[in-house]
Amino acid sequence: GPAYVFYLAESMIEAGVHLGLTRATATELVVQTLA
């Protein structure tokens, strides 16, 4: 199961970057949202 969650996190971060966010900002948003 953790791998599925990490896969989701990867996908959301990449989508955030595609939408114009910096990678650092996208990562912070996604990690805290999941947690």
PDB file of all heavy atoms in Angstrom:
ATOM      1  N   GLY A   1       0.768  -1.241   0.000  1.00  0.00           N
ATOM      2  CA  GLY A   1       0.000   0.000   0.000  1.00  0.00           C
ATOM      3  C   GLY A   1       0.799   1.291   0.000  1.00  0.00           C
ATOM      4  O   GLY A   1       0.444   2.233  -0.727  1.00  0.00           O
ATOM      5  N   PRO A   2       1.876   1.397   0.807  1.00  0.00           N
ATOM      6  CA  PRO A   2       2.635   2.655   0.783  1.00  0.00           C
ATOM      7  C   PRO A   2       3.120   3.035  -0.618  1.00  0.00           C
ATOM      8  O   PRO A   2       3.163   4.219  -0.958  1.00  0.00           O
ATOM      9  CB  PRO A   2       3.802   2.369   1.733  1.00  0.00           C
ATOM     10  CG  PRO A   2       3.239   1.389   2.714  1.00  0.00           C
ATOM     11  CD  PRO A   2       2.344   0.501   1.885  1.00  0.00           C
ATOM     12  N   ALA A   3       3.457   2.043  -1.438  1.00  0.00           N
ATOM     13  CA  ALA A   3       3.924   2.352  -2.793  1.00  0.00           C
ATOM     14  C   ALA A   3       2.828   3.024  -3.608  1.00  0.00           C
ATOM     15  O   ALA A   3       3.102   3.920  -4.419  1.00  0.00           O
ATOM     16  CB  ALA A   3       4.398   1.082  -3.492  1.00  0.00           C
ATOM     17  N   TYR A   4       1.572   2.610  -3.405  1.00  0.00           N
ATOM     18  CA  TYR A   4       0.476   3.240  -4.138  1.00  0.00           C
ATOM     19  C   TYR A   4       0.344   4.714  -3.729  1.00  0.00           C
ATOM     20  O   TYR A   4       0.091   5.589  -4.567  1.00  0.00           O
ATOM     21  CB  TYR A   4      -0.856   2.542  -3.879  1.00  0.00           C
ATOM     22  CG  TYR A   4      -0.836   1.034  -3.907  1.00  0.00           C
ATOM     23  CD1 TYR A   4      -1.681   0.303  -3.076  1.00  0.00           C
ATOM     24  CD2 TYR A   4       0.021   0.331  -4.753  1.00  0.00           C
ATOM     25  CE1 TYR A   4      -1.682  -1.082  -3.095  1.00  0.00           C
ATOM     26  CE2 TYR A   4       0.032  -1.056  -4.772  1.00  0.00           C
ATOM     27  CZ  TYR A   4      -0.824  -1.759  -3.935  1.00  0.00           C
ATOM     28  OH  TYR A   4      -0.824  -3.123  -3.928  1.00  0.00           O
ATOM     29  N   VAL A   5       0.486   4.963  -2.428  1.00  0.00           N
ATOM     30  CA  VAL A   5       0.379   6.339  -1.935  1.00  0.00           C
ATOM     31  C   VAL A   5       1.523   7.190  -2.481  1.00  0.00           C
ATOM     32  O   VAL A   5       1.321   8.344  -2.898  1.00  0.00           O
ATOM     33  CB  VAL A   5       0.359   6.356  -0.397  1.00  0.00           C
ATOM     34  CG1 VAL A   5       0.333   7.795   0.127  1.00  0.00           C
ATOM     35  CG2 VAL A   5      -0.848   5.576   0.131  1.00  0.00           C
ATOM     36  N   PHE A   6       2.731   6.628  -2.491  1.00  0.00           N
ATOM     37  CA  PHE A   6       3.878   7.384  -3.016  1.00  0.00           C
ATOM     38  C   PHE A   6       3.713   7.631  -4.516  1.00  0.00           C
ATOM     39  O   PHE A   6       4.108   8.690  -5.023  1.00  0.00           O
ATOM     40  CB  PHE A   6       5.176   6.621  -2.747  1.00  0.00           C
ATOM     41  CG  PHE A   6       5.433   6.352  -1.280  1.00  0.00           C
ATOM     42  CD1 PHE A   6       6.081   5.193  -0.880  1.00  0.00           C
ATOM     43  CD2 PHE A   6       5.020   7.244  -0.298  1.00  0.00           C
ATOM     44  CE1 PHE A   6       6.313   4.933   0.463  1.00  0.00           C
ATOM     45  CE2 PHE A   6       5.242   6.991   1.052  1.00  0.00           C
ATOM     46  CZ  PHE A   6       5.897   5.827   1.431  1.00  0.00           C
ATOM     47  N   TYR A   7       3.125   6.678  -5.207  1.00  0.00           N
ATOM     48  CA  TYR A   7       2.853   6.844  -6.640  1.00  0.00           C
ATOM     49  C   TYR A   7       1.855   7.982  -6.863  1.00  0.00           C
ATOM     50  O   TYR A   7       2.014   8.802  -7.783  1.00  0.00           O
ATOM     51  CB  TYR A   7       2.313   5.529  -7.197  1.00  0.00           C
ATOM     52  CG  TYR A   7       2.094   5.488  -8.688  1.00  0.00           C
ATOM     53  CD1 TYR A   7       3.140   5.207  -9.564  1.00  0.00           C
ATOM     54  CD2 TYR A   7       0.829   5.717  -9.226  1.00  0.00           C
ATOM     55  CE1 TYR A   7       2.935   5.155 -10.925  1.00  0.00           C
ATOM     56  CE2 TYR A   7       0.618   5.668 -10.599  1.00  0.00           C
ATOM     57  CZ  TYR A   7       1.670   5.384 -11.441  1.00  0.00           C
ATOM     58  OH  TYR A   7       1.471   5.334 -12.793  1.00  0.00           O
ATOM     59  N   LEU A   8       0.826   8.032  -6.009  1.00  0.00           N
ATOM     60  CA  LEU A   8      -0.144   9.125  -6.084  1.00  0.00           C
ATOM     61  C   LEU A   8       0.542  10.459  -5.812  1.00  0.00           C
ATOM     62  O   LEU A   8       0.290  11.454  -6.506  1.00  0.00           O
ATOM     63  CB  LEU A   8      -1.268   8.889  -5.073  1.00  0.00           C
ATOM     64  CG  LEU A   8      -2.289  10.019  -4.898  1.00  0.00           C
ATOM     65  CD1 LEU A   8      -3.024  10.281  -6.211  1.00  0.00           C
ATOM     66  CD2 LEU A   8      -3.263   9.692  -3.780  1.00  0.00           C
ATOM     67  N   ALA A   9       1.424  10.475  -4.789  1.00  0.00           N
ATOM     68  CA  ALA A   9       2.143  11.711  -4.462  1.00  0.00           C
ATOM     69  C   ALA A   9       2.992  12.166  -5.640  1.00  0.00           C
ATOM     70  O   ALA A   9       2.997  13.360  -6.001  1.00  0.00           O
ATOM     71  CB  ALA A   9       3.015  11.500  -3.227  1.00  0.00           C
ATOM     72  N   GLU A  10       3.716  11.230  -6.251  1.00  0.00           N
ATOM     73  CA  GLU A  10       4.514  11.567  -7.442  1.00  0.00           C
ATOM     74  C   GLU A  10       3.647  12.195  -8.524  1.00  0.00           C
ATOM     75  O   GLU A  10       4.013  13.226  -9.122  1.00  0.00           O
ATOM     76  CB  GLU A  10       5.154  10.301  -8.015  1.00  0.00           C
ATOM     77  CG  GLU A  10       6.334   9.739  -7.277  1.00  0.00           C
ATOM     78  CD  GLU A  10       6.866   8.527  -8.027  1.00  0.00           C
ATOM     79  OE1 GLU A  10       6.371   7.409  -7.766  1.00  0.00           O
ATOM     80  OE2 GLU A  10       7.755   8.698  -8.894  1.00  0.00           O
ATOM     81  N   SER A  11       2.515  11.572  -8.785  1.00  0.00           N
ATOM     82  CA  SER A  11       1.644  12.034  -9.864  1.00  0.00           C
ATOM     83  C   SER A  11       1.093  13.425  -9.580  1.00  0.00           C
ATOM     84  O   SER A  11       1.025  14.281 -10.482  1.00  0.00           O
ATOM     85  CB  SER A  11       0.489  11.040 -10.051  1.00  0.00           C
ATOM     86  OG  SER A  11       0.972   9.751 -10.364  1.00  0.00           O
ATOM     87  N   MET A  12       0.683  13.665  -8.326  1.00  0.00           N
ATOM     88  CA  MET A  12       0.141  14.975  -7.979  1.00  0.00           C
ATOM     89  C   MET A  12       1.211  16.060  -8.037  1.00  0.00           C
ATOM     90  O   MET A  12       0.947  17.192  -8.475  1.00  0.00           O
ATOM     91  CB  MET A  12      -0.494  14.915  -6.583  1.00  0.00           C
ATOM     92  CG  MET A  12      -1.766  14.080  -6.520  1.00  0.00           C
ATOM     93  SD  MET A  12      -2.460  13.964  -4.852  1.00  0.00           S
ATOM     94  CE  MET A  12      -2.950  15.683  -4.557  1.00  0.00           C
ATOM     95  N   ILE A  13       2.428  15.725  -7.609  1.00  0.00           N
ATOM     96  CA  ILE A  13       3.522  16.707  -7.660  1.00  0.00           C
ATOM     97  C   ILE A  13       3.833  17.068  -9.111  1.00  0.00           C
ATOM     98  O   ILE A  13       3.977  18.256  -9.462  1.00  0.00           O
ATOM     99  CB  ILE A  13       4.771  16.161  -6.949  1.00  0.00           C
ATOM    100  CG1 ILE A  13       4.530  16.108  -5.440  1.00  0.00           C
ATOM    101  CG2 ILE A  13       5.993  17.029  -7.255  1.00  0.00           C
ATOM    102  CD1 ILE A  13       5.570  15.323  -4.672  1.00  0.00           C
ATOM    103  N   GLU A  14       3.923  16.062  -9.977  1.00  0.00           N
ATOM    104  CA  GLU A  14       4.209  16.329 -11.382  1.00  0.00           C
ATOM    105  C   GLU A  14       3.094  17.160 -12.020  1.00  0.00           C
ATOM    106  O   GLU A  14       3.360  18.050 -12.841  1.00  0.00           O
ATOM    107  CB  GLU A  14       4.386  15.009 -12.138  1.00  0.00           C
ATOM    108  CG  GLU A  14       5.636  14.233 -11.761  1.00  0.00           C
ATOM    109  CD  GLU A  14       6.906  15.043 -11.950  1.00  0.00           C
ATOM    110  OE1 GLU A  14       7.000  15.792 -12.947  1.00  0.00           O
ATOM    111  OE2 GLU A  14       7.798  14.944 -11.079  1.00  0.00           O
ATOM    112  N   ALA A  15       1.854  16.885 -11.631  1.00  0.00           N
ATOM    113  CA  ALA A  15       0.739  17.675 -12.151  1.00  0.00           C
ATOM    114  C   ALA A  15       0.839  19.122 -11.684  1.00  0.00           C
ATOM    115  O   ALA A  15       0.577  20.058 -12.455  1.00  0.00           O
ATOM    116  CB  ALA A  15      -0.582  17.061 -11.703  1.00  0.00           C
ATOM    117  N   GLY A  16       1.230  19.313 -10.409  1.00  0.00           N
ATOM    118  CA  GLY A  16       1.391  20.668  -9.891  1.00  0.00           C
ATOM    119  C   GLY A  16       2.445  21.447 -10.648  1.00  0.00           C
ATOM    120  O   GLY A  16       2.267  22.642 -10.962  1.00  0.00           O
ATOM    121  N   VAL A  17       3.560  20.783 -10.957  1.00  0.00           N
ATOM    122  CA  VAL A  17       4.612  21.440 -11.742  1.00  0.00           C
ATOM    123  C   VAL A  17       4.097  21.784 -13.131  1.00  0.00           C
ATOM    124  O   VAL A  17       4.353  22.876 -13.656  1.00  0.00           O
ATOM    125  CB  VAL A  17       5.853  20.518 -11.824  1.00  0.00           C
ATOM    126  CG1 VAL A  17       6.891  21.089 -12.790  1.00  0.00           C
ATOM    127  CG2 VAL A  17       6.471  20.330 -10.436  1.00  0.00           C
ATOM    128  N   HIS A  18       3.362  20.866 -13.718  1.00  0.00           N
ATOM    129  CA  HIS A  18       2.782  21.111 -15.049  1.00  0.00           C
ATOM    130  C   HIS A  18       1.839  22.311 -15.026  1.00  0.00           C
ATOM    131  O   HIS A  18       1.751  23.064 -16.016  1.00  0.00           O
ATOM    132  CB  HIS A  18       2.032  19.856 -15.518  1.00  0.00           C
ATOM    133  CG  HIS A  18       1.351  20.008 -16.828  1.00  0.00           C
ATOM    134  ND1 HIS A  18       2.033  20.008 -18.036  1.00  0.00           N
ATOM    135  CD2 HIS A  18       0.025  20.182 -17.148  1.00  0.00           C
ATOM    136  CE1 HIS A  18       1.172  20.169 -19.023  1.00  0.00           C
ATOM    137  NE2 HIS A  18      -0.055  20.277 -18.522  1.00  0.00           N
ATOM    138  N   LEU A  19       1.160  22.530 -13.889  1.00  0.00           N
ATOM    139  CA  LEU A  19       0.220  23.640 -13.772  1.00  0.00           C
ATOM    140  C   LEU A  19       0.905  24.961 -13.412  1.00  0.00           C
ATOM    141  O   LEU A  19       0.238  25.978 -13.252  1.00  0.00           O
ATOM    142  CB  LEU A  19      -0.846  23.303 -12.723  1.00  0.00           C
ATOM    143  CG  LEU A  19      -1.780  22.138 -13.080  1.00  0.00           C
ATOM    144  CD1 LEU A  19      -2.681  21.798 -11.905  1.00  0.00           C
ATOM    145  CD2 LEU A  19      -2.607  22.476 -14.326  1.00  0.00           C
ATOM    146  N   GLY A  20       2.244  24.941 -13.244  1.00  0.00           N
ATOM    147  CA  GLY A  20       2.977  26.178 -13.044  1.00  0.00           C
ATOM    148  C   GLY A  20       3.581  26.376 -11.668  1.00  0.00           C
ATOM    149  O   GLY A  20       4.232  27.400 -11.425  1.00  0.00           O
ATOM    150  N   LEU A  21       3.394  25.428 -10.743  1.00  0.00           N
ATOM    151  CA  LEU A  21       3.994  25.552  -9.416  1.00  0.00           C
ATOM    152  C   LEU A  21       5.464  25.146  -9.465  1.00  0.00           C
ATOM    153  O   LEU A  21       5.865  24.341 -10.306  1.00  0.00           O
ATOM    154  CB  LEU A  21       3.264  24.647  -8.418  1.00  0.00           C
ATOM    155  CG  LEU A  21       1.786  24.935  -8.169  1.00  0.00           C
ATOM    156  CD1 LEU A  21       1.183  23.838  -7.305  1.00  0.00           C
ATOM    157  CD2 LEU A  21       1.597  26.303  -7.518  1.00  0.00           C
ATOM    158  N   THR A  22       6.265  25.694  -8.562  1.00  0.00           N
ATOM    159  CA  THR A  22       7.623  25.190  -8.432  1.00  0.00           C
ATOM    160  C   THR A  22       7.560  23.787  -7.839  1.00  0.00           C
ATOM    161  O   THR A  22       6.583  23.422  -7.158  1.00  0.00           O
ATOM    162  CB  THR A  22       8.473  26.070  -7.513  1.00  0.00           C
ATOM    163  OG1 THR A  22       7.958  25.991  -6.168  1.00  0.00           O
ATOM    164  CG2 THR A  22       8.468  27.529  -7.971  1.00  0.00           C
ATOM    165  N   ARG A  23       8.590  22.990  -8.074  1.00  0.00           N
ATOM    166  CA  ARG A  23       8.589  21.624  -7.546  1.00  0.00           C
ATOM    167  C   ARG A  23       8.558  21.625  -6.023  1.00  0.00           C
ATOM    168  O   ARG A  23       7.890  20.796  -5.410  1.00  0.00           O
ATOM    169  CB  ARG A  23       9.799  20.855  -8.072  1.00  0.00           C
ATOM    170  CG  ARG A  23       9.803  19.380  -7.662  1.00  0.00           C
ATOM    171  CD  ARG A  23      10.828  18.589  -8.455  1.00  0.00           C
ATOM    172  NE  ARG A  23      10.542  18.603  -9.881  1.00  0.00           N
ATOM    173  CZ  ARG A  23       9.692  17.768 -10.475  1.00  0.00           C
ATOM    174  NH1 ARG A  23       9.035  16.862  -9.751  1.00  0.00           N
ATOM    175  NH2 ARG A  23       9.482  17.838 -11.777  1.00  0.00           N
ATOM    176  N   ALA A  24       9.274  22.562  -5.420  1.00  0.00           N
ATOM    177  CA  ALA A  24       9.293  22.626  -3.957  1.00  0.00           C
ATOM    178  C   ALA A  24       7.907  22.938  -3.405  1.00  0.00           C
ATOM    179  O   ALA A  24       7.454  22.329  -2.424  1.00  0.00           O
ATOM    180  CB  ALA A  24      10.299  23.672  -3.486  1.00  0.00           C
ATOM    181  N   THR A  25       7.219  23.901  -4.030  1.00  0.00           N
ATOM    182  CA  THR A  25       5.873  24.262  -3.570  1.00  0.00           C
ATOM    183  C   THR A  25       4.894  23.116  -3.796  1.00  0.00           C
ATOM    184  O   THR A  25       4.092  22.782  -2.918  1.00  0.00           O
ATOM    185  CB  THR A  25       5.384  25.525  -4.297  1.00  0.00           C
ATOM    186  OG1 THR A  25       6.245  26.617  -3.968  1.00  0.00           O
ATOM    187  CG2 THR A  25       3.960  25.874  -3.887  1.00  0.00           C
ATOM    188  N   ALA A  26       4.958  22.503  -4.967  1.00  0.00           N
ATOM    189  CA  ALA A  26       4.067  21.384  -5.259  1.00  0.00           C
ATOM    190  C   ALA A  26       4.291  20.241  -4.273  1.00  0.00           C
ATOM    191  O   ALA A  26       3.329  19.627  -3.787  1.00  0.00           O
ATOM    192  CB  ALA A  26       4.288  20.897  -6.688  1.00  0.00           C
ATOM    193  N   THR A  27       5.548  19.964  -3.955  1.00  0.00           N
ATOM    194  CA  THR A  27       5.859  18.886  -3.011  1.00  0.00           C
ATOM    195  C   THR A  27       5.307  19.184  -1.631  1.00  0.00           C
ATOM    196  O   THR A  27       4.687  18.318  -0.991  1.00  0.00           O
ATOM    197  CB  THR A  27       7.382  18.673  -2.943  1.00  0.00           C
ATOM    198  OG1 THR A  27       7.870  18.308  -4.243  1.00  0.00           O
ATOM    199  CG2 THR A  27       7.734  17.579  -1.947  1.00  0.00           C
ATOM    200  N   GLU A  28       5.505  20.411  -1.157  1.00  0.00           N
ATOM    201  CA  GLU A  28       4.988  20.779   0.159  1.00  0.00           C
ATOM    202  C   GLU A  28       3.464  20.671   0.200  1.00  0.00           C
ATOM    203  O   GLU A  28       2.885  20.131   1.164  1.00  0.00           O
ATOM    204  CB  GLU A  28       5.413  22.200   0.518  1.00  0.00           C
ATOM    205  CG  GLU A  28       4.941  22.637   1.895  1.00  0.00           C
ATOM    206  CD  GLU A  28       5.371  24.042   2.263  1.00  0.00           C
ATOM    207  OE1 GLU A  28       5.880  24.771   1.373  1.00  0.00           O
ATOM    208  OE2 GLU A  28       5.200  24.431   3.432  1.00  0.00           O
ATOM    209  N   LEU A  29       2.796  21.154  -0.827  1.00  0.00           N
ATOM    210  CA  LEU A  29       1.335  21.102  -0.878  1.00  0.00           C
ATOM    211  C   LEU A  29       0.828  19.656  -0.878  1.00  0.00           C
ATOM    212  O   LEU A  29      -0.114  19.305  -0.146  1.00  0.00           O
ATOM    213  CB  LEU A  29       0.830  21.819  -2.128  1.00  0.00           C
ATOM    214  CG  LEU A  29       1.014  23.345  -2.184  1.00  0.00           C
ATOM    215  CD1 LEU A  29       0.655  23.866  -3.566  1.00  0.00           C
ATOM    216  CD2 LEU A  29       0.173  24.029  -1.119  1.00  0.00           C
ATOM    217  N   VAL A  30       1.433  18.825  -1.679  1.00  0.00           N
ATOM    218  CA  VAL A  30       0.969  17.443  -1.809  1.00  0.00           C
ATOM    219  C   VAL A  30       1.242  16.640  -0.548  1.00  0.00           C
ATOM    220  O   VAL A  30       0.364  15.923  -0.041  1.00  0.00           O
ATOM    221  CB  VAL A  30       1.620  16.772  -3.037  1.00  0.00           C
ATOM    222  CG1 VAL A  30       1.340  15.264  -3.037  1.00  0.00           C
ATOM    223  CG2 VAL A  30       1.101  17.402  -4.317  1.00  0.00           C
ATOM    224  N   VAL A  31       2.466  16.734  -0.017  1.00  0.00           N
ATOM    225  CA  VAL A  31       2.819  15.938   1.162  1.00  0.00           C
ATOM    226  C   VAL A  31       1.922  16.281   2.341  1.00  0.00           C
ATOM    227  O   VAL A  31       1.383  15.392   3.020  1.00  0.00           O
ATOM    228  CB  VAL A  31       4.304  16.139   1.520  1.00  0.00           C
ATOM    229  CG1 VAL A  31       4.611  15.515   2.878  1.00  0.00           C
ATOM    230  CG2 VAL A  31       5.198  15.519   0.454  1.00  0.00           C
ATOM    231  N   GLN A  32       1.728  17.569   2.593  1.00  0.00           N
ATOM    232  CA  GLN A  32       0.885  17.943   3.731  1.00  0.00           C
ATOM    233  C   GLN A  32      -0.583  17.606   3.479  1.00  0.00           C
ATOM    234  O   GLN A  32      -1.311  17.226   4.402  1.00  0.00           O
ATOM    235  CB  GLN A  32       1.035  19.425   4.055  1.00  0.00           C
ATOM    236  CG  GLN A  32       0.238  19.879   5.267  1.00  0.00           C
ATOM    237  CD  GLN A  32       0.536  19.072   6.530  1.00  0.00           C
ATOM    238  OE1 GLN A  32       1.671  18.634   6.732  1.00  0.00           O
ATOM    239  NE2 GLN A  32      -0.470  18.862   7.376  1.00  0.00           N
ATOM    240  N   THR A  33      -1.029  17.726   2.243  1.00  0.00           N
ATOM    241  CA  THR A  33      -2.413  17.358   1.924  1.00  0.00           C
ATOM    242  C   THR A  33      -2.647  15.874   2.180  1.00  0.00           C
ATOM    243  O   THR A  33      -3.676  15.481   2.756  1.00  0.00           O
ATOM    244  CB  THR A  33      -2.744  17.709   0.470  1.00  0.00           C
ATOM    245  OG1 THR A  33      -2.644  19.130   0.306  1.00  0.00           O
ATOM    246  CG2 THR A  33      -4.148  17.267   0.094  1.00  0.00           C
ATOM    247  N   LEU A  34      -1.714  15.023   1.751  1.00  0.00           N
ATOM    248  CA  LEU A  34      -1.848  13.588   1.988  1.00  0.00           C
ATOM    249  C   LEU A  34      -1.782  13.259   3.477  1.00  0.00           C
ATOM    250  O   LEU A  34      -2.582  12.467   3.993  1.00  0.00           O
ATOM    251  CB  LEU A  34      -0.761  12.824   1.231  1.00  0.00           C
ATOM    252  CG  LEU A  34      -0.892  12.788  -0.292  1.00  0.00           C
ATOM    253  CD1 LEU A  34       0.313  12.090  -0.915  1.00  0.00           C
ATOM    254  CD2 LEU A  34      -2.163  12.076  -0.707  1.00  0.00           C
ATOM    255  N   ALA A  35      -0.830  13.881   4.185  1.00  0.00           N
ATOM    256  CA  ALA A  35      -0.690  13.613   5.623  1.00  0.00           C
ATOM    257  C   ALA A  35      -1.928  14.084   6.382  1.00  0.00           C
ATOM    258  O   ALA A  35      -2.458  13.379   7.251  1.00  0.00           O
ATOM    259  CB  ALA A  35       0.563  14.300   6.170  1.00  0.00           C
TER     260      ALA A  35
END
